[in-house]
Amino acid sequence: MPISQTSSVRNIGAIAFLSALLLLGPHKVTAAPEIVIAIRYLQAVGTSHAHLFLYREDGKFLRQLTKDNSGQDRNPMFASGGESIVFMRDKPSGSPEFWSVLPQGGETKRLEAAPDWYANAKSSSFFTNYEPEEDNSPTPSPSAEMTEPKNEPPPTFQAPDGSVEIVLRSVPGEEGDDIDGPGHGNRYLLRDLRSGKETELGTLDGFLGLWDVLHIRGQPDRRFLFDGPLGVVFFDLHLNSSDGDTVFALDLAKRRLVRLSPNWAVPIPLDGDAAFLTQTENRYVQIPGSEMTANCSYMERWDSRLTKIRYAREKTAAICYGASLFRPGKTPAIVTVRHSKE
């Protein structure tokens, strides 16, 4: 075929392809998931401010959405279609203001009041070690005392697919088994219900100690997170008076324990994805350019291999002031982490 005819055929094909895309319409194009986070980067001198930062879900930083230093921006939330983001701006004095901004960036717009969908939204489901009072923020609480009545079988939790169960077996009087602290839980069992094989959790890689099994807030029977290749159970453990509590993920596929943070971490499931978010606490983080330290918090994402992405600049001391993940085509499409003003 002559070159000129070949070029004409290619041009006709390209035009047909573009025409098909136009006929599909914008509602047929699925955008990549994005997460907006209110981050306050702490600085050695002056007042630090929380602003909105947009990331692709895979961790790629896209853009900073707000820069106003008149207050603290917090609790961003995508609208249901992801077309805009509403957030709150706290001023040193006066009532909070409500603003909106486009994910593509540009000028922010002040709203007369918070939209109903924003005002009524609460934090998405998260794993916890207690049942809190009505509160929109997934914050930790001291572990509830776990006791095992005499002559009663130990607490046992079975996976929803019937593959395994966790048995919180303990030996009264054995060192480490009477207190919530390092060493506790070494006799806990992972029992394979198909083969009958039992594994003591104290023999697994990553074992430091385990206390209670976390559950979904408001759903005390939901203690396992299964989604595709992801299968985990979350445990808490009290470290000491300085470091507080921490959280481990029991990786059921690789039979290992992965510590999610030096301190506390709140696991947030992503239904339909083999992954979860954590709002992670790190204590005594050094503020760059000074010898001062601060208690910080970050948003992180963990995949089915329990590798993580941190949504923040590297080597920074920061505080997460709320986040919102937009997942087109997933249910729920919006995953929200709200920050309560302390």
Protein backbone atom coordinates (compact mmCIF):
# COMPACT_ATOMS: atom_id res chain seq x y z
CA MET A 1 0.00 0.00 0.00
CA PRO A 2 1.44 3.47 -0.85
CA ILE A 3 2.62 5.57 2.11
CA SER A 4 0.01 8.27 1.43
CA GLN A 5 -2.83 5.71 1.58
CA THR A 6 -1.42 4.19 4.77
CA SER A 7 -1.36 7.61 6.44
CA SER A 8 -4.94 8.25 5.40
CA VAL A 9 -6.09 4.95 6.89
CA ARG A 10 -4.30 5.73 10.16
CA ASN A 11 -5.84 9.19 10.32
CA ILE A 12 -9.32 7.78 9.73
CA GLY A 13 -8.71 5.20 12.45
CA ALA A 14 -7.55 7.87 14.90
CA ILE A 15 -10.58 10.03 14.17
CA ALA A 16 -12.90 7.05 14.69
CA PHE A 17 -11.23 6.24 18.01
CA LEU A 18 -11.53 9.82 19.27
CA SER A 19 -15.16 9.93 18.16
CA ALA A 20 -15.86 6.75 20.15
CA LEU A 21 -14.35 8.31 23.25
CA LEU A 22 -16.54 11.37 22.84
CA LEU A 23 -19.64 9.20 22.47
CA LEU A 24 -18.79 7.36 25.69
CA GLY A 25 -18.88 10.65 27.55
CA PRO A 26 -16.89 11.74 30.61
CA HIS A 27 -18.90 9.51 32.95
CA LYS A 28 -17.39 6.45 31.26
CA VAL A 29 -13.81 7.49 31.94
CA THR A 30 -12.56 6.10 35.25
CA ALA A 31 -10.02 8.37 36.91
CA ALA A 32 -7.23 7.10 39.12
CA PRO A 33 -8.01 7.15 42.86
CA GLU A 34 -6.72 10.25 44.66
CA ILE A 35 -6.34 11.16 48.32
CA VAL A 36 -6.42 14.67 49.75
CA ILE A 37 -4.81 15.17 53.14
CA ALA A 38 -4.66 18.15 55.49
CA ILE A 39 -1.03 18.16 56.62
CA ARG A 40 0.58 20.49 59.11
CA TYR A 41 4.34 20.41 58.61
CA LEU A 42 5.90 21.53 61.88
CA GLN A 43 8.68 24.09 61.63
CA ALA A 44 11.37 25.19 64.04
CA VAL A 45 10.51 28.91 63.91
CA GLY A 46 7.15 30.64 63.59
CA THR A 47 3.66 29.21 63.35
CA SER A 48 3.10 26.16 61.17
CA HIS A 49 -0.14 25.80 59.24
CA ALA A 50 -2.14 22.88 57.92
CA HIS A 51 -2.78 22.92 54.18
CA LEU A 52 -4.35 20.50 51.70
CA PHE A 53 -2.10 18.22 49.64
CA LEU A 54 -3.31 15.94 46.85
CA TYR A 55 -1.71 12.55 46.13
CA ARG A 56 -2.44 9.79 43.72
CA GLU A 57 -3.33 6.65 45.64
CA ASP A 58 -0.04 5.02 44.60
CA GLY A 59 1.83 7.74 46.53
CA LYS A 60 2.71 10.13 43.70
CA PHE A 61 2.43 13.72 44.94
CA LEU A 62 0.24 15.79 42.62
CA ARG A 63 -0.15 19.28 44.03
CA GLN A 64 -0.67 21.54 47.04
CA LEU A 65 -4.23 22.84 46.98
CA THR A 66 -4.23 25.53 49.70
CA LYS A 67 -1.63 28.00 50.95
CA ASP A 68 -3.58 30.48 53.09
CA ASN A 69 -1.89 31.02 56.46
CA SER A 70 -4.78 32.76 58.20
CA GLY A 71 -5.90 29.53 59.87
CA GLN A 72 -5.61 25.76 59.95
CA ASP A 73 -7.18 23.81 57.07
CA ARG A 74 -8.61 20.47 58.15
CA ASN A 75 -11.12 17.73 57.39
CA PRO A 76 -11.07 17.83 53.58
CA MET A 77 -13.70 15.69 51.87
CA PHE A 78 -14.38 14.88 48.25
CA ALA A 79 -17.88 15.53 46.95
CA SER A 80 -19.66 12.34 45.91
CA GLY A 81 -18.49 12.58 42.30
CA GLY A 82 -14.99 13.75 43.14
CA GLU A 83 -15.54 17.02 41.30
CA SER A 84 -14.68 19.23 44.28
CA ILE A 85 -13.28 19.16 47.81
CA VAL A 86 -14.87 20.87 50.80
CA PHE A 87 -12.79 21.63 53.89
CA MET A 88 -12.88 23.55 57.15
CA ARG A 89 -10.60 26.45 58.04
CA ASP A 90 -10.12 27.17 61.74
CA LYS A 91 -9.16 30.74 62.56
CA PRO A 92 -7.47 31.80 65.83
CA SER A 93 -10.71 33.52 66.79
CA GLY A 94 -14.23 33.19 65.52
CA SER A 95 -16.27 30.34 64.08
CA PRO A 96 -14.80 27.85 61.59
CA GLU A 97 -15.12 28.75 57.92
CA PHE A 98 -16.02 26.34 55.12
CA TRP A 99 -14.29 26.44 51.77
CA SER A 100 -14.11 24.45 48.56
CA VAL A 101 -11.38 23.83 46.03
CA LEU A 102 -11.08 21.80 42.83
CA PRO A 103 -8.79 18.75 42.78
CA GLN A 104 -7.12 20.33 39.75
CA GLY A 105 -6.15 23.30 41.93
CA GLY A 106 -6.97 26.95 41.44
CA GLU A 107 -8.71 29.50 43.62
CA THR A 108 -10.48 28.44 46.78
CA LYS A 109 -14.09 29.48 47.28
CA ARG A 110 -15.61 30.39 50.62
CA LEU A 111 -19.02 28.83 51.33
CA GLU A 112 -21.81 30.40 53.37
CA ALA A 113 -22.21 27.13 55.29
CA ALA A 114 -21.07 23.53 55.15
CA PRO A 115 -23.08 21.42 52.66
CA ASP A 116 -25.39 18.92 54.35
CA TRP A 117 -23.43 15.95 53.00
CA TYR A 118 -20.25 17.37 54.53
CA ALA A 119 -21.77 18.33 57.88
CA ASN A 120 -23.35 14.90 58.34
CA ALA A 121 -20.35 12.83 57.27
CA LYS A 122 -18.46 10.76 59.82
CA SER A 123 -15.22 8.87 59.73
CA SER A 124 -15.31 5.70 57.65
CA SER A 125 -15.09 2.27 59.30
CA PHE A 126 -11.89 1.60 61.22
CA PHE A 127 -10.43 -1.05 63.52
CA THR A 128 -10.31 -0.24 67.21
CA ASN A 129 -9.66 -1.85 70.59
CA TYR A 130 -12.68 -0.28 72.27
CA GLU A 131 -16.15 1.04 71.64
CA PRO A 132 -15.86 4.83 71.94
CA GLU A 133 -18.57 7.32 72.67
CA GLU A 134 -20.00 9.07 69.64
CA ASP A 135 -16.95 10.59 67.99
CA ASN A 136 -15.97 11.22 64.39
CA SER A 137 -12.25 10.72 64.92
CA PRO A 138 -10.44 7.34 64.90
CA THR A 139 -8.27 8.03 67.93
CA PRO A 140 -6.81 5.39 70.23
CA SER A 141 -7.77 4.64 73.78
CA PRO A 142 -6.01 2.60 76.46
CA SER A 143 -6.59 -1.12 75.94
CA ALA A 144 -9.50 -2.56 77.84
CA GLU A 145 -8.43 -5.10 80.45
CA MET A 146 -8.83 -8.58 79.04
CA THR A 147 -9.54 -11.32 81.55
CA GLU A 148 -10.23 -15.00 81.10
CA PRO A 149 -12.69 -16.43 83.63
CA LYS A 150 -11.58 -19.58 85.39
CA ASN A 151 -12.62 -22.85 83.71
CA GLU A 152 -13.83 -20.92 80.67
CA PRO A 153 -12.44 -21.58 77.19
CA PRO A 154 -10.14 -18.86 75.85
CA PRO A 155 -11.60 -16.27 73.45
CA THR A 156 -11.62 -17.67 69.91
CA PHE A 157 -12.22 -15.81 66.65
CA GLN A 158 -12.87 -17.61 63.37
CA ALA A 159 -12.13 -16.19 59.93
CA PRO A 160 -15.24 -15.47 57.82
CA ASP A 161 -14.17 -18.03 55.20
CA GLY A 162 -13.70 -20.75 57.82
CA SER A 163 -10.02 -21.21 56.97
CA VAL A 164 -8.38 -20.32 60.30
CA GLU A 165 -9.14 -19.21 63.81
CA ILE A 166 -7.28 -17.24 66.45
CA VAL A 167 -7.25 -18.64 69.99
CA LEU A 168 -6.21 -16.19 72.72
CA ARG A 169 -4.72 -18.88 74.90
CA SER A 170 -2.77 -17.87 77.98
CA VAL A 171 -1.09 -19.58 80.91
CA PRO A 172 -1.87 -17.84 84.23
CA GLY A 173 1.26 -17.18 86.22
CA GLU A 174 3.59 -17.60 83.24
CA GLU A 175 5.96 -14.69 82.81
CA GLY A 176 4.49 -12.07 80.47
CA ASP A 177 1.01 -13.56 80.43
CA ASP A 178 -0.49 -11.58 83.30
CA ILE A 179 0.01 -8.05 81.97
CA ASP A 180 -0.59 -6.11 78.78
CA GLY A 181 3.03 -5.67 77.72
CA PRO A 182 5.91 -7.13 75.70
CA GLY A 183 5.95 -10.91 75.86
CA HIS A 184 2.20 -11.29 76.36
CA GLY A 185 0.40 -13.51 73.86
CA ASN A 186 3.26 -15.87 73.07
CA ARG A 187 0.84 -18.78 73.62
CA TYR A 188 -1.85 -17.41 71.34
CA LEU A 189 -2.67 -19.91 68.60
CA LEU A 190 -3.26 -19.65 64.87
CA ARG A 191 -5.21 -22.79 64.02
CA ASP A 192 -5.65 -23.97 60.44
CA LEU A 193 -9.18 -25.37 60.38
CA ARG A 194 -8.58 -27.46 57.27
CA SER A 195 -5.37 -29.20 58.28
CA GLY A 196 -5.70 -28.86 62.06
CA LYS A 197 -2.17 -27.45 62.30
CA GLU A 198 -1.59 -25.06 65.20
CA THR A 199 1.06 -22.34 65.35
CA GLU A 200 1.95 -20.41 68.49
CA LEU A 201 2.10 -16.72 67.62
CA GLY A 202 5.11 -16.28 69.87
CA THR A 203 7.15 -18.30 67.34
CA LEU A 204 6.36 -16.03 64.37
CA ASP A 205 8.74 -13.50 62.86
CA GLY A 206 8.05 -10.04 64.23
CA PHE A 207 6.65 -11.18 67.57
CA LEU A 208 7.14 -8.69 70.39
CA GLY A 209 3.92 -9.31 72.24
CA LEU A 210 0.16 -9.28 71.57
CA TRP A 211 -2.80 -8.31 73.68
CA ASP A 212 -6.29 -7.98 72.21
CA VAL A 213 -7.69 -8.46 68.70
CA LEU A 214 -8.99 -5.23 67.19
CA HIS A 215 -12.48 -5.05 65.69
CA ILE A 216 -14.38 -2.73 63.39
CA ARG A 217 -15.92 0.13 65.33
CA GLY A 218 -19.58 -0.71 65.90
CA GLN A 219 -19.10 -4.26 64.57
CA PRO A 220 -17.48 -6.24 67.40
CA ASP A 221 -17.75 -9.52 65.44
CA ARG A 222 -15.73 -8.22 62.49
CA ARG A 223 -12.12 -8.90 63.45
CA PHE A 224 -10.57 -10.18 60.21
CA LEU A 225 -9.74 -8.19 57.10
CA PHE A 226 -10.02 -10.38 54.00
CA ASP A 227 -9.91 -8.86 50.52
CA GLY A 228 -8.43 -10.78 47.61
CA PRO A 229 -4.86 -11.78 48.52
CA LEU A 230 -5.00 -9.66 51.69
CA GLY A 231 -5.73 -11.55 54.90
CA VAL A 232 -4.84 -9.93 58.23
CA VAL A 233 -5.83 -9.69 61.88
CA PHE A 234 -4.86 -6.65 63.95
CA PHE A 235 -3.60 -6.83 67.55
CA ASP A 236 -2.76 -4.10 70.03
CA LEU A 237 -0.03 -4.13 72.69
CA HIS A 238 0.95 -1.74 75.45
CA LEU A 239 4.65 -0.90 75.25
CA ASN A 240 5.35 1.39 78.22
CA SER A 241 4.30 4.70 79.73
CA SER A 242 6.39 6.72 77.26
CA ASP A 243 5.57 4.96 73.99
CA GLY A 244 1.99 4.00 74.78
CA ASP A 245 0.27 1.34 72.66
CA THR A 246 1.18 -0.08 69.28
CA VAL A 247 -0.54 -2.23 66.62
CA PHE A 248 0.55 -5.37 64.77
CA ALA A 249 -0.90 -6.99 61.65
CA LEU A 250 -0.86 -10.78 61.59
CA ASP A 251 -0.20 -11.65 57.94
CA LEU A 252 -2.15 -14.88 57.47
CA ALA A 253 -0.58 -15.62 54.08
CA LYS A 254 3.06 -15.39 55.19
CA ARG A 255 2.54 -16.31 58.85
CA ARG A 256 4.35 -13.25 60.26
CA LEU A 257 3.66 -10.21 62.39
CA VAL A 258 4.19 -6.71 61.00
CA ARG A 259 4.30 -3.73 63.33
CA LEU A 260 2.35 -0.90 61.74
CA SER A 261 3.92 1.93 63.74
CA PRO A 262 6.40 2.59 66.55
CA ASN A 263 3.29 3.80 68.39
CA TRP A 264 -0.43 3.61 67.61
CA ALA A 265 -1.95 3.05 64.17
CA VAL A 266 -5.63 3.05 63.20
CA PRO A 267 -6.32 0.54 60.37
CA ILE A 268 -9.00 1.71 57.91
CA PRO A 269 -10.29 -0.95 55.46
CA LEU A 270 -10.68 -0.20 51.76
CA ASP A 271 -13.53 -2.49 50.75
CA GLY A 272 -12.95 -3.92 47.30
CA ASP A 273 -9.19 -3.33 47.42
CA ALA A 274 -6.54 -5.67 48.80
CA ALA A 275 -5.19 -2.80 50.90
CA PHE A 276 -5.92 -0.62 53.91
CA LEU A 277 -5.06 2.83 55.21
CA THR A 278 -3.62 3.68 58.58
CA GLN A 279 -3.66 6.90 60.54
CA THR A 280 -0.28 6.42 62.13
CA GLU A 281 1.09 8.01 65.28
CA ASN A 282 4.82 8.62 65.71
CA ARG A 283 5.95 10.09 69.02
CA TYR A 284 9.03 12.21 69.62
CA VAL A 285 9.72 13.08 65.98
CA GLN A 286 12.47 15.65 65.63
CA ILE A 287 11.39 18.92 64.04
CA PRO A 288 13.83 19.72 61.22
CA GLY A 289 16.24 22.52 62.04
CA SER A 290 15.86 22.18 65.80
CA GLU A 291 16.38 19.84 68.72
CA MET A 292 12.69 19.90 69.57
CA THR A 293 10.46 16.87 69.12
CA ALA A 294 6.71 16.51 68.65
CA ASN A 295 4.05 13.82 68.58
CA CYS A 296 3.15 13.44 64.91
CA SER A 297 0.61 11.61 62.78
CA TYR A 298 0.59 10.54 59.15
CA MET A 299 -1.65 8.83 56.58
CA GLU A 300 -0.23 5.61 55.15
CA ARG A 301 -1.41 2.92 52.75
CA TRP A 302 -0.57 -0.80 53.06
CA ASP A 303 -0.98 -3.30 50.24
CA SER A 304 -1.53 -7.07 50.37
CA ARG A 305 2.21 -7.65 50.85
CA LEU A 306 2.14 -5.24 53.81
CA THR A 307 4.41 -2.74 52.14
CA LYS A 308 3.48 0.86 52.88
CA ILE A 309 3.30 4.27 51.27
CA ARG A 310 3.44 7.38 53.45
CA TYR A 311 1.54 10.41 52.16
CA ALA A 312 3.94 13.11 53.36
CA ARG A 313 7.29 14.59 52.52
CA GLU A 314 10.23 12.52 53.71
CA LYS A 315 12.03 13.34 56.96
CA THR A 316 9.39 15.78 58.17
CA ALA A 317 7.53 16.26 61.42
CA ALA A 318 3.87 16.52 60.51
CA ILE A 319 0.34 16.19 61.86
CA CYS A 320 -2.54 14.81 59.83
CA TYR A 321 -5.61 17.03 60.12
CA GLY A 322 -7.96 14.71 58.23
CA ALA A 323 -8.06 13.01 54.83
CA SER A 324 -10.41 11.87 52.08
CA LEU A 325 -9.84 9.18 49.46
CA PHE A 326 -11.84 9.24 46.20
CA ARG A 327 -12.13 5.82 44.53
CA PRO A 328 -14.14 6.03 41.29
CA GLY A 329 -16.16 2.89 40.65
CA LYS A 330 -15.63 1.46 44.15
CA THR A 331 -18.05 1.11 47.07
CA PRO A 332 -17.77 3.24 49.07
CA ALA A 333 -16.38 5.75 46.59
CA ILE A 334 -15.34 8.13 49.38
CA VAL A 335 -13.28 7.01 52.39
CA THR A 336 -13.10 9.67 55.09
CA VAL A 337 -10.82 10.21 58.06
CA ARG A 338 -12.01 13.12 60.18
CA HIS A 339 -9.86 15.05 62.62
CA SER A 340 -11.31 16.25 65.90
CA LYS A 341 -10.07 19.57 67.17
CA GLU A 342 -8.30 19.00 70.46
